[in-house]
Amino acid sequence: RVLSLRGGSANGGNAGTLAVPGQVEMVEMRQLVVSLMSPDNTVRVDAEKKYDSMKEQAPDECSIALLNELSSGNEEGRAMAAVLARTELSGAWERLTPATQAITKQQLLARLEAEDCPSVA
């Protein structure tokens, strides 16, 4: 698996996102984050099951997809992605490849510095 960076700003939609070959696409993660915030309990429970499966089956891709969400334009989505990234990374750090760990460290610092909203940072 190869994870690479694309150029661009850390806070500009698709610009600055990480390329994620494999199972977790950016659109899929964005929809999942929205579903995890749903007021509909059934939608939320289904999203939690899918997210748990992603974390288990593809921890590297899931972590990178969450990092991509931290640069999305939606403040609420970025806040949720920050919470998910914190719990995902603290629980799965040892299972991530060294390349993903290095990218994660770099991107978390860059996105923290670029974040304008205190509730997300």
PDB file of N, CA and C in Angstrom:
ATOM      1  N   ARG A   1       0.833  -1.185   0.000  1.00  0.00           N
ATOM      2  CA  ARG A   1       0.000   0.000   0.000  1.00  0.00           C
ATOM      3  C   ARG A   1       0.870   1.238   0.000  1.00  0.00           C
ATOM      4  N   VAL A   2       0.511   2.206  -0.802  1.00  0.00           N
ATOM      5  CA  VAL A   2       1.264   3.445  -0.862  1.00  0.00           C
ATOM      6  C   VAL A   2       0.327   4.577  -0.529  1.00  0.00           C
ATOM      7  N   LEU A   3       0.700   5.391   0.424  1.00  0.00           N
ATOM      8  CA  LEU A   3      -0.066   6.574   0.781  1.00  0.00           C
ATOM      9  C   LEU A   3       0.760   7.779   0.370  1.00  0.00           C
ATOM     10  N   SER A   4       0.158   8.700  -0.349  1.00  0.00           N
ATOM     11  CA  SER A   4       0.917   9.850  -0.803  1.00  0.00           C
ATOM     12  C   SER A   4       0.136  11.127  -0.563  1.00  0.00           C
ATOM     13  N   LEU A   5       0.844  12.242  -0.580  1.00  0.00           N
ATOM     14  CA  LEU A   5       0.236  13.544  -0.379  1.00  0.00           C
ATOM     15  C   LEU A   5      -0.049  14.194  -1.717  1.00  0.00           C
ATOM     16  N   ARG A   6      -1.147  14.924  -1.791  1.00  0.00           N
ATOM     17  CA  ARG A   6      -1.417  15.770  -2.945  1.00  0.00           C
ATOM     18  C   ARG A   6      -1.217  17.203  -2.487  1.00  0.00           C
ATOM     19  N   GLY A   7      -0.797  18.049  -3.381  1.00  0.00           N
ATOM     20  CA  GLY A   7      -0.550  19.452  -3.024  1.00  0.00           C
ATOM     21  C   GLY A   7      -1.823  20.205  -2.759  1.00  0.00           C
ATOM     22  N   GLY A   8      -1.694  21.377  -2.113  1.00  0.00           N
ATOM     23  CA  GLY A   8      -2.836  22.246  -1.869  1.00  0.00           C
ATOM     24  C   GLY A   8      -2.860  22.712  -0.443  1.00  0.00           C
ATOM     25  N   SER A   9      -3.866  23.507  -0.131  1.00  0.00           N
ATOM     26  CA  SER A   9      -3.986  24.041   1.220  1.00  0.00           C
ATOM     27  C   SER A   9      -4.604  23.010   2.142  1.00  0.00           C
ATOM     28  N   ALA A  10      -4.345  23.153   3.434  1.00  0.00           N
ATOM     29  CA  ALA A  10      -4.863  22.193   4.406  1.00  0.00           C
ATOM     30  C   ALA A  10      -6.333  22.404   4.694  1.00  0.00           C
ATOM     31  N   ASN A  11      -6.901  23.530   4.257  1.00  0.00           N
ATOM     32  CA  ASN A  11      -8.278  23.830   4.607  1.00  0.00           C
ATOM     33  C   ASN A  11      -9.140  24.072   3.376  1.00  0.00           C
ATOM     34  N   GLY A  12      -8.759  23.543   2.222  1.00  0.00           N
ATOM     35  CA  GLY A  12      -9.475  23.882   1.007  1.00  0.00           C
ATOM     36  C   GLY A  12     -10.148  22.728   0.309  1.00  0.00           C
ATOM     37  N   GLY A  13     -11.172  22.134   0.875  1.00  0.00           N
ATOM     38  CA  GLY A  13     -11.931  21.094   0.192  1.00  0.00           C
ATOM     39  C   GLY A  13     -11.072  19.909  -0.189  1.00  0.00           C
ATOM     40  N   ASN A  14     -10.976  19.615  -1.484  1.00  0.00           N
ATOM     41  CA  ASN A  14     -10.187  18.484  -1.941  1.00  0.00           C
ATOM     42  C   ASN A  14      -8.710  18.794  -1.998  1.00  0.00           C
ATOM     43  N   ALA A  15      -8.339  20.063  -2.023  1.00  0.00           N
ATOM     44  CA  ALA A  15      -6.923  20.417  -2.062  1.00  0.00           C
ATOM     45  C   ALA A  15      -6.281  20.029  -0.742  1.00  0.00           C
ATOM     46  N   GLY A  16      -5.086  19.497  -0.810  1.00  0.00           N
ATOM     47  CA  GLY A  16      -4.373  19.125   0.405  1.00  0.00           C
ATOM     48  C   GLY A  16      -4.797  17.796   0.981  1.00  0.00           C
ATOM     49  N   THR A  17      -5.595  17.035   0.247  1.00  0.00           N
ATOM     50  CA  THR A  17      -6.033  15.751   0.772  1.00  0.00           C
ATOM     51  C   THR A  17      -4.986  14.685   0.504  1.00  0.00           C
ATOM     52  N   LEU A  18      -5.067  13.629   1.243  1.00  0.00           N
ATOM     53  CA  LEU A  18      -4.153  12.505   1.088  1.00  0.00           C
ATOM     54  C   LEU A  18      -4.774  11.480   0.154  1.00  0.00           C
ATOM     55  N   ALA A  19      -3.977  10.944  -0.728  1.00  0.00           N
ATOM     56  CA  ALA A  19      -4.468   9.891  -1.614  1.00  0.00           C
ATOM     57  C   ALA A  19      -4.605   8.609  -0.817  1.00  0.00           C
ATOM     58  N   VAL A  20      -5.747   7.969  -0.936  1.00  0.00           N
ATOM     59  CA  VAL A  20      -6.005   6.758  -0.172  1.00  0.00           C
ATOM     60  C   VAL A  20      -6.398   5.640  -1.120  1.00  0.00           C
ATOM     61  N   PRO A  21      -5.427   4.858  -1.582  1.00  0.00           N
ATOM     62  CA  PRO A  21      -5.799   3.709  -2.396  1.00  0.00           C
ATOM     63  C   PRO A  21      -6.415   2.661  -1.478  1.00  0.00           C
ATOM     64  N   GLY A  22      -7.423   2.006  -1.933  1.00  0.00           N
ATOM     65  CA  GLY A  22      -7.996   0.957  -1.107  1.00  0.00           C
ATOM     66  C   GLY A  22      -9.472   1.158  -0.863  1.00  0.00           C
ATOM     67  N   GLN A  23      -9.931   0.718   0.284  1.00  0.00           N
ATOM     68  CA  GLN A  23     -11.353   0.572   0.542  1.00  0.00           C
ATOM     69  C   GLN A  23     -12.079   1.864   0.903  1.00  0.00           C
ATOM     70  N   VAL A  24     -11.423   2.791   1.542  1.00  0.00           N
ATOM     71  CA  VAL A  24     -12.127   3.944   2.089  1.00  0.00           C
ATOM     72  C   VAL A  24     -11.938   5.149   1.175  1.00  0.00           C
ATOM     73  N   GLU A  25     -12.984   5.551   0.501  1.00  0.00           N
ATOM     74  CA  GLU A  25     -12.953   6.723  -0.360  1.00  0.00           C
ATOM     75  C   GLU A  25     -13.388   7.940   0.446  1.00  0.00           C
ATOM     76  N   MET A  26     -12.955   9.115  -0.014  1.00  0.00           N
ATOM     77  CA  MET A  26     -13.282  10.356   0.680  1.00  0.00           C
ATOM     78  C   MET A  26     -14.787  10.581   0.786  1.00  0.00           C
ATOM     79  N   VAL A  27     -15.512  10.369  -0.306  1.00  0.00           N
ATOM     80  CA  VAL A  27     -16.958  10.573  -0.303  1.00  0.00           C
ATOM     81  C   VAL A  27     -17.616   9.614   0.679  1.00  0.00           C
ATOM     82  N   GLU A  28     -17.148   8.386   0.704  1.00  0.00           N
ATOM     83  CA  GLU A  28     -17.697   7.390   1.622  1.00  0.00           C
ATOM     84  C   GLU A  28     -17.491   7.827   3.072  1.00  0.00           C
ATOM     85  N   MET A  29     -16.303   8.323   3.403  1.00  0.00           N
ATOM     86  CA  MET A  29     -16.045   8.761   4.777  1.00  0.00           C
ATOM     87  C   MET A  29     -16.881   9.985   5.124  1.00  0.00           C
ATOM     88  N   ARG A  30     -17.010  10.909   4.184  1.00  0.00           N
ATOM     89  CA  ARG A  30     -17.826  12.105   4.452  1.00  0.00           C
ATOM     90  C   ARG A  30     -19.267  11.702   4.746  1.00  0.00           C
ATOM     91  N   GLN A  31     -19.833  10.783   3.956  1.00  0.00           N
ATOM     92  CA  GLN A  31     -21.198  10.319   4.187  1.00  0.00           C
ATOM     93  C   GLN A  31     -21.305   9.597   5.530  1.00  0.00           C
ATOM     94  N   LEU A  32     -20.275   8.846   5.868  1.00  0.00           N
ATOM     95  CA  LEU A  32     -20.273   8.125   7.132  1.00  0.00           C
ATOM     96  C   LEU A  32     -20.249   9.091   8.317  1.00  0.00           C
ATOM     97  N   VAL A  33     -19.429  10.128   8.235  1.00  0.00           N
ATOM     98  CA  VAL A  33     -19.360  11.124   9.313  1.00  0.00           C
ATOM     99  C   VAL A  33     -20.712  11.814   9.482  1.00  0.00           C
ATOM    100  N   VAL A  34     -21.349  12.159   8.377  1.00  0.00           N
ATOM    101  CA  VAL A  34     -22.682  12.780   8.439  1.00  0.00           C
ATOM    102  C   VAL A  34     -23.673  11.819   9.089  1.00  0.00           C
ATOM    103  N   SER A  35     -23.622  10.554   8.711  1.00  0.00           N
ATOM    104  CA  SER A  35     -24.530   9.555   9.290  1.00  0.00           C
ATOM    105  C   SER A  35     -24.274   9.338  10.774  1.00  0.00           C
ATOM    106  N   LEU A  36     -23.013   9.421  11.186  1.00  0.00           N
ATOM    107  CA  LEU A  36     -22.688   9.260  12.611  1.00  0.00           C
ATOM    108  C   LEU A  36     -23.240  10.408  13.456  1.00  0.00           C
ATOM    109  N   MET A  37     -23.534  11.529  12.831  1.00  0.00           N
ATOM    110  CA  MET A  37     -24.102  12.686  13.538  1.00  0.00           C
ATOM    111  C   MET A  37     -25.615  12.760  13.387  1.00  0.00           C
ATOM    112  N   SER A  38     -26.221  11.794  12.723  1.00  0.00           N
ATOM    113  CA  SER A  38     -27.653  11.824  12.428  1.00  0.00           C
ATOM    114  C   SER A  38     -28.496  11.757  13.702  1.00  0.00           C
ATOM    115  N   PRO A  39     -29.587  12.507  13.732  1.00  0.00           N
ATOM    116  CA  PRO A  39     -30.516  12.384  14.863  1.00  0.00           C
ATOM    117  C   PRO A  39     -31.332  11.084  14.806  1.00  0.00           C
ATOM    118  N   ASP A  40     -31.353  10.446  13.643  1.00  0.00           N
ATOM    119  CA  ASP A  40     -32.081   9.184  13.461  1.00  0.00           C
ATOM    120  C   ASP A  40     -31.231   8.044  14.027  1.00  0.00           C
ATOM    121  N   ASN A  41     -31.711   7.413  15.072  1.00  0.00           N
ATOM    122  CA  ASN A  41     -30.968   6.365  15.756  1.00  0.00           C
ATOM    123  C   ASN A  41     -30.613   5.199  14.832  1.00  0.00           C
ATOM    124  N   THR A  42     -31.514   4.810  13.952  1.00  0.00           N
ATOM    125  CA  THR A  42     -31.256   3.695  13.042  1.00  0.00           C
ATOM    126  C   THR A  42     -30.107   4.030  12.092  1.00  0.00           C
ATOM    127  N   VAL A  43     -30.114   5.230  11.549  1.00  0.00           N
ATOM    128  CA  VAL A  43     -29.045   5.668  10.646  1.00  0.00           C
ATOM    129  C   VAL A  43     -27.713   5.688  11.392  1.00  0.00           C
ATOM    130  N   ARG A  44     -27.734   6.211  12.601  1.00  0.00           N
ATOM    131  CA  ARG A  44     -26.516   6.322  13.409  1.00  0.00           C
ATOM    132  C   ARG A  44     -25.959   4.944  13.782  1.00  0.00           C
ATOM    133  N   VAL A  45     -26.815   4.018  14.180  1.00  0.00           N
ATOM    134  CA  VAL A  45     -26.374   2.670  14.550  1.00  0.00           C
ATOM    135  C   VAL A  45     -25.775   1.956  13.341  1.00  0.00           C
ATOM    136  N   ASP A  46     -26.419   2.081  12.184  1.00  0.00           N
ATOM    137  CA  ASP A  46     -25.865   1.479  10.967  1.00  0.00           C
ATOM    138  C   ASP A  46     -24.504   2.076  10.633  1.00  0.00           C
ATOM    139  N   ALA A  47     -24.372   3.383  10.779  1.00  0.00           N
ATOM    140  CA  ALA A  47     -23.096   4.057  10.495  1.00  0.00           C
ATOM    141  C   ALA A  47     -22.020   3.610  11.485  1.00  0.00           C
ATOM    142  N   GLU A  48     -22.386   3.440  12.745  1.00  0.00           N
ATOM    143  CA  GLU A  48     -21.414   2.972  13.744  1.00  0.00           C
ATOM    144  C   GLU A  48     -20.900   1.583  13.400  1.00  0.00           C
ATOM    145  N   LYS A  49     -21.792   0.709  12.944  1.00  0.00           N
ATOM    146  CA  LYS A  49     -21.378  -0.649  12.548  1.00  0.00           C
ATOM    147  C   LYS A  49     -20.421  -0.595  11.361  1.00  0.00           C
ATOM    148  N   LYS A  50     -20.758   0.222  10.385  1.00  0.00           N
ATOM    149  CA  LYS A  50     -19.907   0.353   9.202  1.00  0.00           C
ATOM    150  C   LYS A  50     -18.552   0.951   9.585  1.00  0.00           C
ATOM    151  N   TYR A  51     -18.544   1.962  10.424  1.00  0.00           N
ATOM    152  CA  TYR A  51     -17.293   2.593  10.857  1.00  0.00           C
ATOM    153  C   TYR A  51     -16.423   1.600  11.631  1.00  0.00           C
ATOM    154  N   ASP A  52     -17.026   0.839  12.531  1.00  0.00           N
ATOM    155  CA  ASP A  52     -16.276  -0.174  13.281  1.00  0.00           C
ATOM    156  C   ASP A  52     -15.653  -1.202  12.343  1.00  0.00           C
ATOM    157  N   SER A  53     -16.400  -1.583  11.323  1.00  0.00           N
ATOM    158  CA  SER A  53     -15.886  -2.535  10.340  1.00  0.00           C
ATOM    159  C   SER A  53     -14.709  -1.945   9.562  1.00  0.00           C
ATOM    160  N   MET A  54     -14.832  -0.692   9.164  1.00  0.00           N
ATOM    161  CA  MET A  54     -13.737  -0.008   8.455  1.00  0.00           C
ATOM    162  C   MET A  54     -12.472   0.040   9.308  1.00  0.00           C
ATOM    163  N   LYS A  55     -12.642   0.413  10.563  1.00  0.00           N
ATOM    164  CA  LYS A  55     -11.484   0.512  11.465  1.00  0.00           C
ATOM    165  C   LYS A  55     -10.779  -0.820  11.593  1.00  0.00           C
ATOM    166  N   GLU A  56     -11.551  -1.887  11.663  1.00  0.00           N
ATOM    167  CA  GLU A  56     -10.991  -3.217  11.852  1.00  0.00           C
ATOM    168  C   GLU A  56     -10.335  -3.748  10.579  1.00  0.00           C
ATOM    169  N   GLN A  57     -11.008  -3.581   9.450  1.00  0.00           N
ATOM    170  CA  GLN A  57     -10.535  -4.152   8.194  1.00  0.00           C
ATOM    171  C   GLN A  57      -9.452  -3.323   7.503  1.00  0.00           C
ATOM    172  N   ALA A  58      -9.482  -2.007   7.668  1.00  0.00           N
ATOM    173  CA  ALA A  58      -8.545  -1.134   6.943  1.00  0.00           C
ATOM    174  C   ALA A  58      -8.133   0.047   7.818  1.00  0.00           C
ATOM    175  N   PRO A  59      -7.373  -0.207   8.895  1.00  0.00           N
ATOM    176  CA  PRO A  59      -7.042   0.886   9.816  1.00  0.00           C
ATOM    177  C   PRO A  59      -6.243   2.021   9.170  1.00  0.00           C
ATOM    178  N   ASP A  60      -5.326   1.704   8.257  1.00  0.00           N
ATOM    179  CA  ASP A  60      -4.543   2.753   7.596  1.00  0.00           C
ATOM    180  C   ASP A  60      -5.441   3.656   6.751  1.00  0.00           C
ATOM    181  N   GLU A  61      -6.248   3.047   5.910  1.00  0.00           N
ATOM    182  CA  GLU A  61      -7.127   3.809   5.037  1.00  0.00           C
ATOM    183  C   GLU A  61      -8.151   4.607   5.841  1.00  0.00           C
ATOM    184  N   CYS A  62      -8.676   4.015   6.888  1.00  0.00           N
ATOM    185  CA  CYS A  62      -9.652   4.693   7.734  1.00  0.00           C
ATOM    186  C   CYS A  62      -9.019   5.920   8.400  1.00  0.00           C
ATOM    187  N   SER A  63      -7.811   5.760   8.901  1.00  0.00           N
ATOM    188  CA  SER A  63      -7.122   6.881   9.553  1.00  0.00           C
ATOM    189  C   SER A  63      -6.854   8.011   8.570  1.00  0.00           C
ATOM    190  N   ILE A  64      -6.381   7.677   7.377  1.00  0.00           N
ATOM    191  CA  ILE A  64      -6.103   8.692   6.368  1.00  0.00           C
ATOM    192  C   ILE A  64      -7.390   9.376   5.910  1.00  0.00           C
ATOM    193  N   ALA A  65      -8.460   8.611   5.760  1.00  0.00           N
ATOM    194  CA  ALA A  65      -9.740   9.197   5.368  1.00  0.00           C
ATOM    195  C   ALA A  65     -10.236  10.171   6.435  1.00  0.00           C
ATOM    196  N   LEU A  66     -10.031   9.845   7.702  1.00  0.00           N
ATOM    197  CA  LEU A  66     -10.401  10.772   8.776  1.00  0.00           C
ATOM    198  C   LEU A  66      -9.554  12.040   8.716  1.00  0.00           C
ATOM    199  N   LEU A  67      -8.266  11.899   8.431  1.00  0.00           N
ATOM    200  CA  LEU A  67      -7.414  13.081   8.277  1.00  0.00           C
ATOM    201  C   LEU A  67      -7.919  13.959   7.141  1.00  0.00           C
ATOM    202  N   ASN A  68      -8.368  13.348   6.059  1.00  0.00           N
ATOM    203  CA  ASN A  68      -8.928  14.121   4.948  1.00  0.00           C
ATOM    204  C   ASN A  68     -10.169  14.886   5.392  1.00  0.00           C
ATOM    205  N   GLU A  69     -10.979  14.271   6.217  1.00  0.00           N
ATOM    206  CA  GLU A  69     -12.187  14.943   6.707  1.00  0.00           C
ATOM    207  C   GLU A  69     -11.850  16.148   7.580  1.00  0.00           C
ATOM    208  N   LEU A  70     -10.694  16.119   8.222  1.00  0.00           N
ATOM    209  CA  LEU A  70     -10.288  17.263   9.042  1.00  0.00           C
ATOM    210  C   LEU A  70     -10.058  18.517   8.205  1.00  0.00           C
ATOM    211  N   SER A  71      -9.945  18.359   6.900  1.00  0.00           N
ATOM    212  CA  SER A  71      -9.762  19.522   6.034  1.00  0.00           C
ATOM    213  C   SER A  71     -11.009  19.841   5.218  1.00  0.00           C
ATOM    214  N   SER A  72     -12.127  19.199   5.544  1.00  0.00           N
ATOM    215  CA  SER A  72     -13.360  19.466   4.800  1.00  0.00           C
ATOM    216  C   SER A  72     -13.882  20.859   5.143  1.00  0.00           C
ATOM    217  N   GLY A  73     -14.756  21.366   4.318  1.00  0.00           N
ATOM    218  CA  GLY A  73     -15.269  22.709   4.516  1.00  0.00           C
ATOM    219  C   GLY A  73     -16.312  22.833   5.616  1.00  0.00           C
ATOM    220  N   ASN A  74     -16.882  21.743   6.058  1.00  0.00           N
ATOM    221  CA  ASN A  74     -17.964  21.759   7.031  1.00  0.00           C
ATOM    222  C   ASN A  74     -17.402  21.702   8.451  1.00  0.00           C
ATOM    223  N   GLU A  75     -17.657  22.755   9.243  1.00  0.00           N
ATOM    224  CA  GLU A  75     -17.120  22.828  10.604  1.00  0.00           C
ATOM    225  C   GLU A  75     -17.616  21.680  11.491  1.00  0.00           C
ATOM    226  N   GLU A  76     -18.889  21.359  11.395  1.00  0.00           N
ATOM    227  CA  GLU A  76     -19.450  20.275  12.197  1.00  0.00           C
ATOM    228  C   GLU A  76     -18.817  18.930  11.828  1.00  0.00           C
ATOM    229  N   GLY A  77     -18.620  18.714  10.529  1.00  0.00           N
ATOM    230  CA  GLY A  77     -17.976  17.486  10.063  1.00  0.00           C
ATOM    231  C   GLY A  77     -16.526  17.403  10.509  1.00  0.00           C
ATOM    232  N   ARG A  78     -15.819  18.541  10.481  1.00  0.00           N
ATOM    233  CA  ARG A  78     -14.429  18.560  10.941  1.00  0.00           C
ATOM    234  C   ARG A  78     -14.350  18.244  12.431  1.00  0.00           C
ATOM    235  N   ALA A  79     -15.288  18.775  13.206  1.00  0.00           N
ATOM    236  CA  ALA A  79     -15.300  18.514  14.651  1.00  0.00           C
ATOM    237  C   ALA A  79     -15.543  17.027  14.927  1.00  0.00           C
ATOM    238  N   MET A  80     -16.492  16.436  14.208  1.00  0.00           N
ATOM    239  CA  MET A  80     -16.772  15.007  14.386  1.00  0.00           C
ATOM    240  C   MET A  80     -15.574  14.172  13.948  1.00  0.00           C
ATOM    241  N   ALA A  81     -14.961  14.537  12.820  1.00  0.00           N
ATOM    242  CA  ALA A  81     -13.785  13.811  12.336  1.00  0.00           C
ATOM    243  C   ALA A  81     -12.640  13.910  13.341  1.00  0.00           C
ATOM    244  N   ALA A  82     -12.508  15.046  14.007  1.00  0.00           N
ATOM    245  CA  ALA A  82     -11.450  15.211  15.021  1.00  0.00           C
ATOM    246  C   ALA A  82     -11.672  14.255  16.188  1.00  0.00           C
ATOM    247  N   VAL A  83     -12.914  14.127  16.625  1.00  0.00           N
ATOM    248  CA  VAL A  83     -13.242  13.198  17.717  1.00  0.00           C
ATOM    249  C   VAL A  83     -12.963  11.765  17.281  1.00  0.00           C
ATOM    250  N   LEU A  84     -13.416  11.417  16.082  1.00  0.00           N
ATOM    251  CA  LEU A  84     -13.205  10.058  15.582  1.00  0.00           C
ATOM    252  C   LEU A  84     -11.718   9.767  15.392  1.00  0.00           C
ATOM    253  N   ALA A  85     -10.974  10.736  14.862  1.00  0.00           N
ATOM    254  CA  ALA A  85      -9.532  10.539  14.646  1.00  0.00           C
ATOM    255  C   ALA A  85      -8.815  10.328  15.973  1.00  0.00           C
ATOM    256  N   ARG A  86      -9.185  11.098  16.972  1.00  0.00           N
ATOM    257  CA  ARG A  86      -8.538  10.946  18.281  1.00  0.00           C
ATOM    258  C   ARG A  86      -8.743   9.536  18.830  1.00  0.00           C
ATOM    259  N   THR A  87      -9.965   9.052  18.776  1.00  0.00           N
ATOM    260  CA  THR A  87     -10.220   7.714  19.314  1.00  0.00           C
ATOM    261  C   THR A  87      -9.640   6.626  18.418  1.00  0.00           C
ATOM    262  N   GLU A  88      -9.735   6.814  17.093  1.00  0.00           N
ATOM    263  CA  GLU A  88      -9.206   5.821  16.151  1.00  0.00           C
ATOM    264  C   GLU A  88      -7.689   5.723  16.281  1.00  0.00           C
ATOM    265  N   LEU A  89      -7.018   6.854  16.292  1.00  0.00           N
ATOM    266  CA  LEU A  89      -5.558   6.835  16.308  1.00  0.00           C
ATOM    267  C   LEU A  89      -5.009   6.347  17.643  1.00  0.00           C
ATOM    268  N   SER A  90      -5.663   6.695  18.726  1.00  0.00           N
ATOM    269  CA  SER A  90      -5.160   6.224  20.023  1.00  0.00           C
ATOM    270  C   SER A  90      -5.367   4.724  20.181  1.00  0.00           C
ATOM    271  N   GLY A  91      -6.408   4.175  19.562  1.00  0.00           N
ATOM    272  CA  GLY A  91      -6.674   2.748  19.684  1.00  0.00           C
ATOM    273  C   GLY A  91      -5.986   1.883  18.651  1.00  0.00           C
ATOM    274  N   ALA A  92      -5.596   2.473  17.524  1.00  0.00           N
ATOM    275  CA  ALA A  92      -5.060   1.658  16.428  1.00  0.00           C
ATOM    276  C   ALA A  92      -3.632   2.027  16.040  1.00  0.00           C
ATOM    277  N   TRP A  93      -2.997   2.896  16.788  1.00  0.00           N
ATOM    278  CA  TRP A  93      -1.674   3.402  16.400  1.00  0.00           C
ATOM    279  C   TRP A  93      -0.680   2.277  16.096  1.00  0.00           C
ATOM    280  N   GLU A  94      -0.635   1.275  16.919  1.00  0.00           N
ATOM    281  CA  GLU A  94       0.326   0.180  16.731  1.00  0.00           C
ATOM    282  C   GLU A  94       0.035  -0.645  15.477  1.00  0.00           C
ATOM    283  N   ARG A  95      -1.214  -0.648  15.021  1.00  0.00           N
ATOM    284  CA  ARG A  95      -1.579  -1.420  13.837  1.00  0.00           C
ATOM    285  C   ARG A  95      -1.333  -0.664  12.532  1.00  0.00           C
ATOM    286  N   LEU A  96      -1.060   0.637  12.626  1.00  0.00           N
ATOM    287  CA  LEU A  96      -0.810   1.427  11.428  1.00  0.00           C
ATOM    288  C   LEU A  96       0.596   1.175  10.914  1.00  0.00           C
ATOM    289  N   THR A  97       0.760   1.270   9.609  1.00  0.00           N
ATOM    290  CA  THR A  97       2.089   1.110   9.029  1.00  0.00           C
ATOM    291  C   THR A  97       2.953   2.304   9.420  1.00  0.00           C
ATOM    292  N   PRO A  98       4.269   2.147   9.419  1.00  0.00           N
ATOM    293  CA  PRO A  98       5.150   3.292   9.713  1.00  0.00           C
ATOM    294  C   PRO A  98       4.901   4.481   8.771  1.00  0.00           C
ATOM    295  N   ALA A  99       4.595   4.215   7.509  1.00  0.00           N
ATOM    296  CA  ALA A  99       4.309   5.304   6.568  1.00  0.00           C
ATOM    297  C   ALA A  99       3.058   6.076   6.987  1.00  0.00           C
ATOM    298  N   THR A 100       2.013   5.357   7.383  1.00  0.00           N
ATOM    299  CA  THR A 100       0.781   6.009   7.831  1.00  0.00           C
ATOM    300  C   THR A 100       1.026   6.779   9.125  1.00  0.00           C
ATOM    301  N   GLN A 101       1.808   6.225  10.026  1.00  0.00           N
ATOM    302  CA  GLN A 101       2.130   6.935  11.265  1.00  0.00           C
ATOM    303  C   GLN A 101       2.851   8.250  10.968  1.00  0.00           C
ATOM    304  N   ALA A 102       3.803   8.218  10.056  1.00  0.00           N
ATOM    305  CA  ALA A 102       4.558   9.435   9.721  1.00  0.00           C
ATOM    306  C   ALA A 102       3.655  10.486   9.072  1.00  0.00           C
ATOM    307  N   ILE A 103       2.823  10.050   8.123  1.00  0.00           N
ATOM    308  CA  ILE A 103       1.902  10.981   7.466  1.00  0.00           C
ATOM    309  C   ILE A 103       0.911  11.547   8.474  1.00  0.00           C
ATOM    310  N   THR A 104       0.442  10.704   9.365  1.00  0.00           N
ATOM    311  CA  THR A 104      -0.523  11.131  10.370  1.00  0.00           C
ATOM    312  C   THR A 104       0.064  12.210  11.272  1.00  0.00           C
ATOM    313  N   LYS A 105       1.268  12.003  11.753  1.00  0.00           N
ATOM    314  CA  LYS A 105       1.916  13.012  12.599  1.00  0.00           C
ATOM    315  C   LYS A 105       2.027  14.343  11.873  1.00  0.00           C
ATOM    316  N   GLN A 106       2.513  14.280  10.644  1.00  0.00           N
ATOM    317  CA  GLN A 106       2.707  15.490   9.852  1.00  0.00           C
ATOM    318  C   GLN A 106       1.374  16.199   9.598  1.00  0.00           C
ATOM    319  N   GLN A 107       0.376  15.453   9.174  1.00  0.00           N
ATOM    320  CA  GLN A 107      -0.906  16.050   8.812  1.00  0.00           C
ATOM    321  C   GLN A 107      -1.682  16.571  10.021  1.00  0.00           C
ATOM    322  N   LEU A 108      -1.604  15.880  11.139  1.00  0.00           N
ATOM    323  CA  LEU A 108      -2.288  16.384  12.334  1.00  0.00           C
ATOM    324  C   LEU A 108      -1.719  17.741  12.756  1.00  0.00           C
ATOM    325  N   LEU A 109      -0.419  17.862  12.740  1.00  0.00           N
ATOM    326  CA  LEU A 109       0.203  19.149  13.085  1.00  0.00           C
ATOM    327  C   LEU A 109      -0.169  20.234  12.076  1.00  0.00           C
ATOM    328  N   ALA A 110      -0.112  19.907  10.794  1.00  0.00           N
ATOM    329  CA  ALA A 110      -0.443  20.888   9.758  1.00  0.00           C
ATOM    330  C   ALA A 110      -1.900  21.324   9.859  1.00  0.00           C
ATOM    331  N   ARG A 111      -2.787  20.390  10.107  1.00  0.00           N
ATOM    332  CA  ARG A 111      -4.210  20.732  10.167  1.00  0.00           C
ATOM    333  C   ARG A 111      -4.570  21.456  11.454  1.00  0.00           C
ATOM    334  N   LEU A 112      -3.877  21.151  12.513  1.00  0.00           N
ATOM    335  CA  LEU A 112      -4.084  21.876  13.766  1.00  0.00           C
ATOM    336  C   LEU A 112      -3.664  23.335  13.604  1.00  0.00           C
ATOM    337  N   GLU A 113      -2.519  23.560  12.968  1.00  0.00           N
ATOM    338  CA  GLU A 113      -2.052  24.919  12.727  1.00  0.00           C
ATOM    339  C   GLU A 113      -2.969  25.683  11.789  1.00  0.00           C
ATOM    340  N   ALA A 114      -3.568  25.015  10.802  1.00  0.00           N
ATOM    341  CA  ALA A 114      -4.402  25.665   9.811  1.00  0.00           C
ATOM    342  C   ALA A 114      -5.851  25.858  10.269  1.00  0.00           C
ATOM    343  N   GLU A 115      -6.272  25.182  11.327  1.00  0.00           N
ATOM    344  CA  GLU A 115      -7.667  25.212  11.758  1.00  0.00           C
ATOM    345  C   GLU A 115      -8.007  26.573  12.360  1.00  0.00           C
ATOM    346  N   ASP A 116      -9.099  27.169  11.852  1.00  0.00           N
ATOM    347  CA  ASP A 116      -9.557  28.486  12.315  1.00  0.00           C
ATOM    348  C   ASP A 116     -10.543  28.390  13.470  1.00  0.00           C
ATOM    349  N   CYS A 117     -11.234  27.298  13.580  1.00  0.00           N
ATOM    350  CA  CYS A 117     -12.310  27.147  14.559  1.00  0.00           C
ATOM    351  C   CYS A 117     -11.783  26.520  15.847  1.00  0.00           C
ATOM    352  N   PRO A 118     -11.851  27.229  16.977  1.00  0.00           N
ATOM    353  CA  PRO A 118     -11.338  26.678  18.239  1.00  0.00           C
ATOM    354  C   PRO A 118     -12.030  25.383  18.672  1.00  0.00           C
ATOM    355  N   SER A 119     -13.315  25.215  18.344  1.00  0.00           N
ATOM    356  CA  SER A 119     -14.011  24.002  18.783  1.00  0.00           C
ATOM    357  C   SER A 119     -13.534  22.771  18.011  1.00  0.00           C
ATOM    358  N   VAL A 120     -12.925  22.955  16.842  1.00  0.00           N
ATOM    359  CA  VAL A 120     -12.409  21.845  16.077  1.00  0.00           C
ATOM    360  C   VAL A 120     -10.962  21.564  16.488  1.00  0.00           C
ATOM    361  N   ALA A 121     -10.174  22.624  16.662  1.00  0.00           N
ATOM    362  CA  ALA A 121      -8.766  22.480  17.022  1.00  0.00           C
ATOM    363  C   ALA A 121      -8.650  21.990  18.439  1.00  0.00           C
TER     364      ALA A 121
END
